Amino acid sequence: MIEIKDLIDKVIQFRDDRDWQQFHNAKDLALSLSLEASELLELFQWKTSEEAVEQNLEKMKDELADIVTYALLFANETGIDITSAVNEKLEKNDKKYPVEKAYGVSKKYTEL
């Protein structure tokens, strides 16, 4: 299994081989993340979740890969350690959504 650091290195190498770093500032990477997420959402338009997945799984895989790639580039550009960021967010969410209150419930933490 590939480690996050190795995946980041691979993405950076791909970018650098094409001299694209000049286009990868935090703002443009954030915009690209949003655009790619919108492309993923578009695959669900006018379909049930099940229909969308059945009809578009390969396209979804590509869009998700684009989203993750831009997220890794954004993290690299801003100096965010992605592993630490996810772990810290999980800790925050664990406090906001304690199992005994949130289990099987879709409410926002302010409504629990």
Protein backbone atom coordinates (compact mmCIF):
# COMPACT_ATOMS: atom_id res chain seq x y z
CA MET A 1 0.00 0.00 0.00
CA ILE A 2 1.31 3.44 -0.92
CA GLU A 3 1.85 5.94 1.88
CA ILE A 4 0.42 9.47 1.71
CA LYS A 5 3.94 10.94 1.54
CA ASP A 6 4.78 8.70 -1.42
CA LEU A 7 1.55 9.67 -3.17
CA ILE A 8 2.28 13.37 -2.61
CA ASP A 9 5.79 12.88 -3.99
CA LYS A 10 4.36 11.15 -7.08
CA VAL A 11 1.85 13.96 -7.68
CA ILE A 12 4.56 16.61 -7.19
CA GLN A 13 6.85 14.79 -9.63
CA PHE A 14 4.05 14.64 -12.23
CA ARG A 15 3.44 18.37 -11.74
CA ASP A 16 7.12 19.31 -11.84
CA ASP A 17 7.79 17.22 -14.96
CA ARG A 18 5.30 19.52 -16.74
CA ASP A 19 6.43 22.79 -15.12
CA TRP A 20 2.93 23.39 -13.72
CA GLN A 21 3.92 24.62 -10.26
CA GLN A 22 3.70 28.17 -11.62
CA PHE A 23 -0.08 27.68 -11.87
CA HIS A 24 -0.53 26.01 -8.50
CA ASN A 25 -1.04 28.74 -5.93
CA ALA A 26 -3.37 28.16 -2.99
CA LYS A 27 -6.28 30.11 -4.54
CA ASP A 28 -6.19 28.33 -7.88
CA LEU A 29 -5.80 24.93 -6.25
CA ALA A 30 -8.80 25.65 -4.00
CA LEU A 31 -10.81 26.68 -7.06
CA SER A 32 -9.75 23.53 -8.88
CA LEU A 33 -10.81 21.41 -5.91
CA SER A 34 -14.27 22.96 -6.01
CA LEU A 35 -14.58 22.57 -9.78
CA GLU A 36 -13.60 18.90 -9.66
CA ALA A 37 -16.05 18.29 -6.81
CA SER A 38 -18.74 19.89 -8.97
CA GLU A 39 -17.85 17.54 -11.81
CA LEU A 40 -18.34 14.62 -9.43
CA LEU A 41 -21.71 16.04 -8.35
CA GLU A 42 -22.77 16.45 -11.96
CA LEU A 43 -22.60 12.68 -12.41
CA PHE A 44 -25.49 12.38 -9.92
CA GLN A 45 -27.72 14.96 -11.59
CA TRP A 46 -31.22 13.68 -12.41
CA LYS A 47 -30.41 10.16 -11.19
CA THR A 48 -30.85 8.23 -8.00
CA SER A 49 -27.64 7.54 -6.11
CA GLU A 50 -27.78 3.92 -7.22
CA GLU A 51 -28.32 4.81 -10.90
CA ALA A 52 -25.50 7.33 -10.85
CA VAL A 53 -23.01 4.90 -9.36
CA GLU A 54 -24.08 2.11 -11.69
CA GLN A 55 -23.81 4.31 -14.79
CA ASN A 56 -20.79 6.44 -13.90
CA LEU A 57 -18.46 4.55 -11.59
CA GLU A 58 -15.41 4.90 -13.85
CA LYS A 59 -16.04 8.61 -14.32
CA MET A 60 -16.53 8.95 -10.55
CA LYS A 61 -13.20 7.26 -9.98
CA ASP A 62 -11.51 9.77 -12.28
CA GLU A 63 -13.20 12.77 -10.66
CA LEU A 64 -12.35 11.53 -7.17
CA ALA A 65 -8.73 11.08 -8.25
CA ASP A 66 -8.71 14.67 -9.52
CA ILE A 67 -10.16 15.90 -6.20
CA VAL A 68 -7.59 14.00 -4.15
CA THR A 69 -4.76 15.15 -6.42
CA TYR A 70 -5.74 18.81 -6.01
CA ALA A 71 -6.17 18.30 -2.27
CA LEU A 72 -2.65 16.89 -2.02
CA LEU A 73 -1.26 19.76 -4.09
CA PHE A 74 -3.15 22.27 -1.92
CA ALA A 75 -1.78 20.68 1.24
CA ASN A 76 1.73 20.78 -0.19
CA GLU A 77 1.40 24.41 -1.30
CA THR A 78 0.10 25.58 2.08
CA GLY A 79 2.37 23.40 4.22
CA ILE A 80 -0.54 21.45 5.69
CA ASP A 81 0.39 17.96 6.87
CA ILE A 82 -2.59 16.02 5.59
CA THR A 83 -2.25 13.14 8.03
CA SER A 84 -2.11 15.50 11.00
CA ALA A 85 -4.96 17.62 9.63
CA VAL A 86 -7.25 14.60 9.24
CA ASN A 87 -6.33 13.23 12.66
CA GLU A 88 -6.91 16.61 14.32
CA LYS A 89 -10.27 17.02 12.56
CA LEU A 90 -11.34 13.53 13.65
CA GLU A 91 -10.49 14.47 17.25
CA LYS A 92 -12.56 17.66 16.98
CA ASN A 93 -15.47 15.77 15.43
CA ASP A 94 -15.24 13.09 18.10
CA LYS A 95 -15.96 15.80 20.68
CA LYS A 96 -18.73 17.39 18.59
CA TYR A 97 -20.36 14.06 17.74
CA PRO A 98 -20.02 11.70 20.72
CA VAL A 99 -21.13 8.19 19.82
CA GLU A 100 -23.81 8.11 22.51
CA LYS A 101 -25.52 11.16 20.96
CA ALA A 102 -24.68 10.84 17.27
CA TYR A 103 -25.01 7.11 16.61
CA GLY A 104 -27.38 6.65 13.66
CA VAL A 105 -28.37 10.34 13.73
CA SER A 106 -27.81 12.77 10.86
CA LYS A 107 -28.28 15.96 12.87
CA LYS A 108 -25.65 18.67 13.09
CA TYR A 109 -23.72 18.72 16.39
CA THR A 110 -25.55 21.88 17.49
CA GLU A 111 -28.81 19.92 17.36
CA LEU A 112 -27.70 16.86 19.32
